[in-house]
Amino acid sequence: MPSLYTRDLAERQRARWLKEYADTRLADGLLRRLFYQRSIRRRVFDELPEEGVITQALEA
């Protein structure tokens, strides 16, 4: 199986930065805000989503 990180230091640093960005910023906006509001609140808690939170997440 090929390595996820290359031997080139600059490319390896960029890959690690992208992974960290996806784990923090993207996950916060997509999963914690949008997915929770549109799916979890409605299906698990039988609550309406907060449209303001959804709009803010989409704009950010």
Protein backbone atom coordinates (compact mmCIF):
# COMPACT_ATOMS: atom_id res chain seq x y z
CA MET A 1 0.00 0.00 0.00
CA PRO A 2 1.45 3.41 -0.91
CA SER A 3 2.20 5.94 1.80
CA LEU A 4 -0.20 8.83 2.30
CA TYR A 5 2.71 11.19 2.79
CA THR A 6 5.44 11.73 0.23
CA ARG A 7 9.12 11.90 0.95
CA ASP A 8 9.22 15.56 -0.07
CA LEU A 9 9.15 17.63 3.12
CA ALA A 10 7.12 20.53 1.67
CA GLU A 11 4.47 18.23 0.21
CA ARG A 12 4.30 16.27 3.46
CA GLN A 13 3.80 19.48 5.46
CA ARG A 14 1.05 20.63 3.09
CA ALA A 15 -0.71 17.26 3.38
CA ARG A 16 -0.59 17.48 7.17
CA TRP A 17 -1.93 21.05 7.06
CA LEU A 18 -4.82 19.98 4.81
CA LYS A 19 -5.64 17.05 7.10
CA GLU A 20 -5.67 19.31 10.15
CA TYR A 21 -7.83 21.87 8.32
CA ALA A 22 -10.31 19.19 7.33
CA ASP A 23 -10.39 17.76 10.86
CA THR A 24 -10.98 21.11 12.53
CA ARG A 25 -12.49 23.85 10.37
CA LEU A 26 -14.38 21.76 7.84
CA ALA A 27 -15.60 19.25 10.39
CA ASP A 28 -16.86 22.06 12.61
CA GLY A 29 -18.83 23.69 9.81
CA LEU A 30 -20.07 20.65 7.99
CA LEU A 31 -20.60 18.05 10.67
CA ARG A 32 -21.17 19.88 13.88
CA ARG A 33 -23.32 22.61 12.43
CA LEU A 34 -24.97 21.56 9.18
CA PHE A 35 -25.33 17.81 9.72
CA TYR A 36 -26.44 18.24 13.31
CA GLN A 37 -28.99 20.91 12.42
CA ARG A 38 -30.39 19.24 9.32
CA SER A 39 -30.34 15.61 10.42
CA ILE A 40 -29.74 14.94 14.09
CA ARG A 41 -32.04 17.60 15.55
CA ARG A 42 -34.90 16.54 13.30
CA ARG A 43 -34.54 12.76 13.41
CA VAL A 44 -33.14 12.14 16.87
CA PHE A 45 -34.60 14.96 18.95
CA ASP A 46 -37.70 15.68 16.82
CA GLU A 47 -36.79 19.39 16.79
CA LEU A 48 -36.75 21.86 13.94
CA PRO A 49 -33.31 22.98 12.79
CA GLU A 50 -32.10 26.45 13.70
CA GLU A 51 -32.02 28.18 10.32
CA GLY A 52 -29.74 30.94 11.64
CA VAL A 53 -27.06 28.39 12.52
CA ILE A 54 -27.38 26.79 9.07
CA THR A 55 -27.15 30.15 7.29
CA GLN A 56 -24.13 31.19 9.33
CA ALA A 57 -22.34 27.90 8.66
CA LEU A 58 -22.99 28.15 4.92
CA GLU A 59 -21.72 31.74 4.79
CA ALA A 60 -18.58 30.91 6.76
